[in-house]
């Protein structure tokens, strides 16, 4: 059987518990190389997944690995250089979100992928669950009519302590507006269309220490964003990393239209892998709200369905289009940039 030869850059929890098991369970994929800064840790992961090549320099992996594709699962400030190097080498790319630190870099990434006729995917994980796919299908079927406004919320408590993380370091990342915000902004764009203007207020609530023990130049840890769409619809996006949760983490997406309302979301399990998705609707003419609940195992679902990382592999072998790709990552980055600028200036920012 023909297989896509994959090299993975990054040895994080997400790489080890999501990407590598998915590719290991996909008969059309062969993970041939892995790259990480800590060689001993990288070798341990390579042994766990029977990966034959270990690198500590991604450039050497790209040059020597004899690969077809690269998966980038690294801190945000490294995405641009790694993706561009892979594309320059003629390799297909799957990149974690957000794809860059600014829209100019994101645009250069998608333009190079297009120019080199290479496949690209961005890992907006919550784009693919079956209930979210059904949510989008109902929008496309005009189930709730013209959309008036939407609400996209994801509250977490991940950053309440003072420990260092590159995610809270403003010199390496754009904060929660880019971290969780990129997921919710993508879902808003996917279901509601192109954005015309952005207004945002960002919060900086918890002071973190740097690696030297001194106070860090901190990134935002909460964000309130108002989107105005080309269609005239509006949406609010709210994300936080410093909320003390009462219930399990539950991201939600709600659309309010002329004929009814749709709500979709996930109730997360403790391991962030075994979750429950739900879809509810209240549509004119219905006697009562409908509800569909479904367990969702991230790894098993992507092993057995041509969606997410498996879709990336299938698209390469079958020469099929991919959505979302680097272009969609660029559109999300435009909104993130506009949110940062709106907070800085206190003004509404237009997207061209």
Protein backbone atom coordinates (compact mmCIF):
# COMPACT_ATOMS: atom_id res chain seq x y z
CA UNK A 1 0.00 0.00 0.00
CA UNK A 2 1.23 3.48 -0.87
CA UNK A 3 1.95 5.55 2.23
CA UNK A 4 2.69 9.19 2.99
CA UNK A 5 6.10 9.45 4.69
CA UNK A 6 5.67 11.92 7.55
CA UNK A 7 8.10 13.82 9.75
CA UNK A 8 6.78 15.35 12.98
CA UNK A 9 8.42 18.44 14.47
CA UNK A 10 7.59 18.70 18.17
CA UNK A 11 7.42 16.37 21.16
CA UNK A 12 4.71 18.03 23.25
CA UNK A 13 1.84 16.28 25.02
CA UNK A 14 -0.36 17.16 22.05
CA UNK A 15 2.08 15.61 19.58
CA UNK A 16 2.53 12.45 21.65
CA UNK A 17 -1.13 11.91 22.56
CA UNK A 18 -2.93 13.16 19.45
CA UNK A 19 -0.89 13.29 16.25
CA UNK A 20 1.40 10.30 16.72
CA UNK A 21 -1.35 7.83 17.76
CA UNK A 22 -3.53 9.01 14.87
CA UNK A 23 -0.80 8.45 12.30
CA UNK A 24 0.14 5.13 13.94
CA UNK A 25 -3.45 3.98 13.42
CA UNK A 26 -3.65 5.15 9.80
CA UNK A 27 -2.57 2.48 7.32
CA UNK A 28 -1.85 5.10 4.63
CA UNK A 29 0.62 7.02 6.84
CA UNK A 30 4.15 6.16 7.94
CA UNK A 31 5.81 8.37 10.54
CA UNK A 32 9.43 8.15 9.44
CA UNK A 33 11.05 10.87 11.55
CA UNK A 34 10.54 12.97 14.66
CA UNK A 35 12.37 16.11 15.74
CA UNK A 36 12.67 17.55 19.25
CA UNK A 37 15.09 19.76 21.19
CA UNK A 38 15.72 17.16 23.93
CA UNK A 39 17.28 14.15 22.23
CA UNK A 40 16.67 11.63 25.02
CA UNK A 41 12.99 12.58 25.30
CA UNK A 42 12.64 12.49 21.53
CA UNK A 43 14.24 9.04 21.41
CA UNK A 44 11.78 7.79 24.04
CA UNK A 45 8.83 8.93 21.94
CA UNK A 46 10.41 7.49 18.79
CA UNK A 47 10.77 4.10 20.50
CA UNK A 48 7.17 4.23 21.72
CA UNK A 49 5.85 4.72 18.18
CA UNK A 50 8.56 2.79 16.27
CA UNK A 51 9.76 5.90 14.46
CA UNK A 52 13.07 5.07 12.74
CA UNK A 53 14.72 8.53 12.56
CA UNK A 54 15.38 11.02 15.37
CA UNK A 55 16.53 14.60 14.84
CA UNK A 56 17.16 17.64 17.02
CA UNK A 57 17.36 20.05 14.06
CA UNK A 58 14.25 20.34 11.90
CA UNK A 59 16.33 21.52 8.93
CA UNK A 60 18.31 18.29 8.97
CA UNK A 61 15.08 16.30 9.19
CA UNK A 62 13.66 18.11 6.18
CA UNK A 63 16.89 17.62 4.20
CA UNK A 64 17.71 14.05 5.20
CA UNK A 65 14.44 12.41 6.23
CA UNK A 66 13.23 11.40 2.73
CA UNK A 67 9.77 12.67 3.59
CA UNK A 68 6.57 13.55 1.74
CA UNK A 69 5.06 15.74 4.45
CA UNK A 70 5.87 17.57 7.67
CA UNK A 71 3.66 18.10 10.72
CA UNK A 72 4.50 21.19 12.80
CA UNK A 73 3.49 20.87 16.48
CA UNK A 74 5.70 23.52 18.08
CA UNK A 75 5.39 26.95 19.77
CA UNK A 76 3.72 29.66 17.71
CA UNK A 77 6.85 31.72 17.07
CA UNK A 78 8.51 28.81 15.23
CA UNK A 79 5.69 27.95 12.81
CA UNK A 80 6.59 30.39 10.05
CA UNK A 81 10.21 29.37 9.58
CA UNK A 82 9.46 25.65 9.85
CA UNK A 83 6.51 25.70 7.45
CA UNK A 84 8.39 27.82 4.91
CA UNK A 85 11.40 25.48 5.06
CA UNK A 86 9.16 22.47 4.46
CA UNK A 87 7.35 24.14 1.57
CA UNK A 88 10.67 25.21 0.03
CA UNK A 89 11.70 21.54 0.13
CA UNK A 90 8.52 20.50 -1.69
CA UNK A 91 6.85 18.91 1.34
CA UNK A 92 3.16 19.02 2.20
CA UNK A 93 2.46 20.66 5.58
CA UNK A 94 0.06 20.18 8.47
CA UNK A 95 0.50 23.01 10.97
CA UNK A 96 -0.88 23.63 14.43
CA UNK A 97 -2.90 26.77 14.99
CA UNK A 98 -2.34 29.69 14.95
CA UNK A 99 -0.12 29.36 11.92
CA UNK A 100 1.95 32.53 12.50
CA UNK A 101 2.45 35.57 14.68
CA UNK A 102 1.06 37.98 12.10
CA UNK A 103 -1.03 38.03 8.94
CA UNK A 104 1.85 38.99 6.64
CA UNK A 105 3.73 35.81 7.53
CA UNK A 106 0.53 33.76 7.30
CA UNK A 107 -0.15 35.13 3.82
CA UNK A 108 3.37 34.27 2.68
CA UNK A 109 2.88 30.71 3.95
CA UNK A 110 -0.34 30.02 2.07
CA UNK A 111 0.93 31.74 -1.08
CA UNK A 112 4.05 29.55 -1.11
CA UNK A 113 1.97 26.41 -0.63
CA UNK A 114 -0.24 27.45 -3.55
CA UNK A 115 2.69 28.39 -5.77
CA UNK A 116 4.43 25.07 -5.08
CA UNK A 117 1.18 23.08 -5.56
CA UNK A 118 1.44 21.53 -2.11
CA UNK A 119 -1.29 20.39 0.26
CA UNK A 120 -1.70 22.21 3.55
CA UNK A 121 -3.90 21.79 6.60
CA UNK A 122 -4.34 23.72 9.85
CA UNK A 123 -5.27 21.70 12.94
CA UNK A 124 -8.52 23.39 14.00
CA UNK A 125 -9.45 20.24 15.92
CA UNK A 126 -13.04 21.20 16.67
CA UNK A 127 -13.88 21.82 13.02
CA UNK A 128 -14.29 18.08 12.40
CA UNK A 129 -16.40 16.46 15.16
CA UNK A 130 -19.56 14.95 13.61
CA UNK A 131 -21.92 17.21 15.52
CA UNK A 132 -20.02 20.30 14.36
CA UNK A 133 -20.21 19.02 10.81
CA UNK A 134 -23.97 18.61 11.28
CA UNK A 135 -24.13 22.14 12.74
CA UNK A 136 -22.55 23.52 9.55
CA UNK A 137 -24.79 21.36 7.37
CA UNK A 138 -27.88 22.80 9.04
CA UNK A 139 -26.56 26.32 8.39
CA UNK A 140 -25.98 25.44 4.72
CA UNK A 141 -29.49 23.94 4.49
CA UNK A 142 -30.89 27.30 5.67
CA UNK A 143 -32.44 25.64 8.73
CA UNK A 144 -32.31 28.85 10.78
CA UNK A 145 -32.56 31.27 7.86
CA UNK A 146 -30.51 34.43 7.63
CA UNK A 147 -28.12 34.58 10.58
CA UNK A 148 -28.53 37.65 12.78
CA UNK A 149 -25.78 37.07 15.31
CA UNK A 150 -23.58 34.43 16.91
CA UNK A 151 -21.82 33.69 20.19
CA UNK A 152 -18.60 31.66 20.43
CA UNK A 153 -17.28 31.04 23.95
CA UNK A 154 -14.44 29.01 25.48
CA UNK A 155 -13.49 29.57 29.12
CA UNK A 156 -10.62 27.67 30.77
CA UNK A 157 -8.40 27.91 33.86
CA UNK A 158 -5.12 26.82 32.23
CA UNK A 159 -3.08 29.95 33.06
CA UNK A 160 -4.16 30.76 36.62
CA UNK A 161 -0.76 29.90 38.12
CA UNK A 162 2.47 31.90 37.69
CA UNK A 163 4.50 29.13 36.06
CA UNK A 164 6.33 29.91 32.83
CA UNK A 165 4.91 28.78 29.51
CA UNK A 166 5.75 30.04 26.05
CA UNK A 167 1.99 30.52 25.57
CA UNK A 168 1.91 33.34 28.14
CA UNK A 169 5.12 34.95 26.86
CA UNK A 170 4.29 38.00 24.70
CA UNK A 171 7.63 37.68 22.90
CA UNK A 172 6.66 34.20 21.64
CA UNK A 173 2.88 34.15 21.30
CA UNK A 174 -0.16 36.41 20.97
CA UNK A 175 -1.97 35.14 24.06
CA UNK A 176 -5.34 33.51 24.47
CA UNK A 177 -6.84 35.58 21.64
CA UNK A 178 -4.62 33.53 19.32
CA UNK A 179 -4.53 30.26 21.29
CA UNK A 180 -8.16 29.33 21.96
CA UNK A 181 -9.36 32.36 20.03
CA UNK A 182 -8.09 30.92 16.76
CA UNK A 183 -10.39 27.91 17.16
CA UNK A 184 -13.45 30.02 17.81
CA UNK A 185 -12.63 32.63 15.16
CA UNK A 186 -12.25 29.85 12.60
CA UNK A 187 -15.63 28.39 13.54
CA UNK A 188 -17.20 31.84 13.28
CA UNK A 189 -15.72 32.43 9.81
CA UNK A 190 -16.67 28.91 8.67
CA UNK A 191 -20.31 29.28 9.66
CA UNK A 192 -20.91 33.02 9.22
CA UNK A 193 -18.65 34.13 6.35
CA UNK A 194 -16.11 36.91 5.89
CA UNK A 195 -15.48 39.51 8.61
CA UNK A 196 -15.65 43.23 7.81
CA UNK A 197 -14.65 44.83 11.13
CA UNK A 198 -13.24 43.78 14.50
CA UNK A 199 -13.46 45.39 17.94
CA UNK A 200 -11.66 43.84 20.90
CA UNK A 201 -10.74 44.26 24.53
CA UNK A 202 -8.01 42.03 25.91
CA UNK A 203 -7.35 41.20 29.54
CA UNK A 204 -4.02 40.81 31.37
CA UNK A 205 -5.04 39.40 34.74
CA UNK A 206 -2.36 37.00 36.01
CA UNK A 207 1.32 37.95 36.16
CA UNK A 208 3.63 35.07 35.18
CA UNK A 209 7.31 34.61 35.88
CA UNK A 210 9.89 34.15 33.16
CA UNK A 211 12.46 31.37 33.09
CA UNK A 212 14.76 33.66 35.07
CA UNK A 213 12.16 34.04 37.83
CA UNK A 214 11.50 37.67 36.97
CA UNK A 215 8.07 38.99 35.91
CA UNK A 216 7.35 38.08 32.30
CA UNK A 217 6.22 40.33 29.46
CA UNK A 218 2.84 38.66 29.58
CA UNK A 219 0.44 37.96 26.77
CA UNK A 220 -3.31 38.50 27.10
CA UNK A 221 -5.16 35.84 29.12
CA UNK A 222 -8.73 36.85 28.24
CA UNK A 223 -10.34 38.36 25.17
CA UNK A 224 -13.72 39.83 24.27
CA UNK A 225 -14.10 40.30 20.52
CA UNK A 226 -16.99 41.69 18.47
CA UNK A 227 -17.07 40.71 14.81
CA UNK A 228 -19.15 42.44 12.16
CA UNK A 229 -19.54 40.32 9.03
CA UNK A 230 -19.84 41.35 5.41
CA UNK A 231 -23.36 39.87 5.54
CA UNK A 232 -24.37 42.34 8.25
CA UNK A 233 -24.42 39.66 10.95
CA UNK A 234 -22.57 40.14 14.22
CA UNK A 235 -20.80 37.76 16.58
CA UNK A 236 -19.16 37.82 19.96
CA UNK A 237 -16.10 35.69 20.67
CA UNK A 238 -15.11 35.28 24.31
CA UNK A 239 -12.12 33.26 25.47
CA UNK A 240 -10.31 33.05 28.79
CA UNK A 241 -7.46 31.07 30.32
CA UNK A 242 -8.01 32.36 33.86
CA UNK A 243 -11.65 31.47 34.63
CA UNK A 244 -12.34 29.36 37.71
CA UNK A 245 -14.75 26.84 36.21
CA UNK A 246 -17.83 25.58 38.04
CA UNK A 247 -18.64 22.86 35.50
CA UNK A 248 -16.38 20.87 33.15
CA UNK A 249 -14.87 22.89 30.31
CA UNK A 250 -17.59 23.45 27.72
CA UNK A 251 -16.85 25.48 24.58
CA UNK A 252 -20.05 26.57 22.83
CA UNK A 253 -21.05 27.92 19.43
CA UNK A 254 -24.51 29.49 19.09
CA UNK A 255 -26.09 31.00 15.97
CA UNK A 256 -29.30 33.03 16.10
CA UNK A 257 -31.21 33.33 12.82
CA UNK A 258 -34.52 34.57 11.47
CA UNK A 259 -36.06 31.08 11.70
CA UNK A 260 -34.37 29.68 14.79
CA UNK A 261 -31.26 28.98 16.85
CA UNK A 262 -28.49 26.39 16.72
CA UNK A 263 -26.13 25.53 19.57
CA UNK A 264 -23.20 23.13 19.39
CA UNK A 265 -20.47 22.40 21.89
CA UNK A 266 -18.31 19.91 23.71
CA UNK A 267 -18.09 18.83 27.33
CA UNK A 268 -14.47 17.92 27.94
CA UNK A 269 -13.28 14.91 29.87
CA UNK A 270 -10.30 15.15 32.20
CA UNK A 271 -7.86 13.92 29.53
CA UNK A 272 -9.05 16.32 26.79
CA UNK A 273 -9.39 13.30 24.48
CA UNK A 274 -12.65 11.63 25.56
CA UNK A 275 -15.35 14.27 25.26
CA UNK A 276 -19.08 14.57 24.64
CA UNK A 277 -20.38 16.69 21.80
CA UNK A 278 -23.90 18.07 21.69
CA UNK A 279 -26.17 19.82 19.24
CA UNK A 280 -29.40 21.60 20.08
CA UNK A 281 -31.83 23.56 17.96
CA UNK A 282 -34.96 25.62 18.39
CA UNK A 283 -36.47 26.18 14.95
CA UNK A 284 -39.79 27.76 14.02
CA UNK A 285 -42.42 25.07 13.54
CA UNK A 286 -40.71 22.61 15.85
CA UNK A 287 -42.76 21.54 18.82
CA UNK A 288 -39.73 21.34 21.09
CA UNK A 289 -35.98 21.72 21.16
CA UNK A 290 -33.99 18.84 19.75
CA UNK A 291 -30.84 17.49 21.32
CA UNK A 292 -28.21 15.08 20.06
CA UNK A 293 -25.39 13.98 22.38
CA UNK A 294 -22.49 11.86 21.21
CA UNK A 295 -19.25 10.69 22.85
CA UNK A 296 -16.25 11.91 20.92
CA UNK A 297 -12.81 10.29 21.17
CA UNK A 298 -10.45 12.59 19.31
CA UNK A 299 -7.82 9.96 18.49
CA UNK A 300 -10.14 7.13 17.52
CA UNK A 301 -12.33 9.39 15.41
CA UNK A 302 -9.41 10.69 13.37
CA UNK A 303 -8.00 7.18 12.99
CA UNK A 304 -11.16 5.85 11.37
CA UNK A 305 -12.53 8.84 9.43
CA UNK A 306 -11.03 10.82 6.55
CA UNK A 307 -11.05 14.02 8.58
CA UNK A 308 -8.30 15.97 10.33
CA UNK A 309 -4.83 14.37 10.09
CA UNK A 310 -6.18 11.34 8.22
CA UNK A 311 -7.83 13.63 5.66
CA UNK A 312 -4.44 15.30 5.22
CA UNK A 313 -2.91 11.93 4.34
CA UNK A 314 -5.78 10.91 2.05
CA UNK A 315 -5.74 14.27 0.25
CA UNK A 316 -2.04 13.86 -0.57
CA UNK A 317 -2.46 10.33 -1.95
CA UNK A 318 -5.77 10.99 -3.73
CA UNK A 319 -4.97 14.56 -4.81
CA UNK A 320 -8.05 16.06 -3.19
CA UNK A 321 -8.56 19.57 -1.79
CA UNK A 322 -8.21 20.23 1.93
CA UNK A 323 -10.24 22.51 4.20
CA UNK A 324 -9.16 24.21 6.40
CA UNK A 325 -5.74 24.93 4.93
CA UNK A 326 -3.15 27.66 5.24
CA UNK A 327 -5.48 30.11 3.48
CA UNK A 328 -8.05 29.67 6.24
CA UNK A 329 -5.23 30.06 8.76
CA UNK A 330 -4.39 33.38 7.12
CA UNK A 331 -8.02 34.57 7.34
CA UNK A 332 -8.06 33.72 11.06
CA UNK A 333 -4.74 35.51 11.57
CA UNK A 334 -6.20 38.63 9.96
CA UNK A 335 -8.86 38.69 12.68
CA UNK A 336 -6.29 38.07 15.44
CA UNK A 337 -4.14 40.93 14.13
CA UNK A 338 -7.19 43.20 14.00
CA UNK A 339 -8.15 42.26 17.58
CA UNK A 340 -4.66 43.11 18.83
CA UNK A 341 -4.75 46.42 16.95
CA UNK A 342 -8.25 47.25 18.19
CA UNK A 343 -7.20 46.70 21.79
CA UNK A 344 -4.06 48.81 21.30
CA UNK A 345 -5.85 51.75 19.71
CA UNK A 346 -9.31 51.47 21.26
CA UNK A 347 -10.78 51.66 17.74
CA UNK A 348 -12.73 49.40 15.44
CA UNK A 349 -10.45 47.83 12.80
CA UNK A 350 -11.49 46.99 9.24
CA UNK A 351 -10.30 43.86 7.45
CA UNK A 352 -9.47 44.32 3.78
